[in-house]
Amino acid sequence: MTRFQSAFKPDRAALVCFITAGDGDTAANLDALVEGGADVIELGMPFTDPMADGPAIQKANLRSLAKGTTTADVLAIAKAFRERHPDVPLVLMGYANPMVRRGPEWFADRLEEVGADGVICVDLAPEEDPDLGPALRAKGISPIRLATPTTDDKRLPTVLEGSSGFLYYVSVAGITGKQQAAIDSIEANVSRIKQHTDLPIAVGFGVRTPEQAEAIAKVADGVVVGSAFIDIVGELGENAPEHLRALTSALAEAVHNARK
């Protein structure tokens, strides 16, 4: 059984938590998320032009890059995380340039070495899968694709082909941040997508509160939260971990108990 299969359970949704590598005390922040009840960790690779991200994560990228965070640093953070948390799925999320500039095989080899489970490459379309997908799959690493409200039934098979781990459903057509889709829209699209795949479907973009997370957890296999954590790191810096732990705990309770 893979770590993803362990995280996404049939009787409850999983909580997927995102923070940016190199922003604040990343190791302490990651530990706080796990201690709070995160089921899956997404570790953002800082990039100069994070086109899918709103102001909060853009600022996190800039804070990290200003500290000199490199791809090697991100990999070191990932490796140390895996040593501390051998059972928690770890996904690296970012943009194509840092992932493929040394060649897809190089990147896949490094991810295998550090114990990563999956990759979300935001700006690599399914048609560009040969640029990274085969190298990842050869190492047992899941290419995790994105679907949106505009991904219709004709497009879905292309998105799903070669994807594994879980499918990330972006609930709004826009950037990360405070906007959130209506739960009726999320439920309808998750139900529609499930007719095409057995992969777990995790819903993100705009999820900030336990109440929002609970509503989504009733209709999806996972709930993704990012900007709410990033805001805490941006505001509190080295004092963020205890607050991250508290928010994660509240979110996890809501997500894990949503179907009871």
Foldseek 3Di string as FASTA:
>chain_A
DALLPVQQDPQFAAEEEEDEPQQFPVLLQVVLLVLLPHQAYEYEYQDQCQPQADDLVNVSSVNRVVVVDDPVSSLVSLLVVCVVPVRHAYEYEEAVCSCQVVHQLVNLVSCLVSVHAEYEHPPQALVNCVRHLVNNVVSNHFYEFEDELPCDPVNLVSRPVSGASAHEYEDHPGHADADGDDLVSLLVVQVVSVVPDPGFYEYEGNDAALVSLLSNGQRGSYYYDYSNLSVLCVVPRNPRSVVSNVRSNSNNVSRGPSND
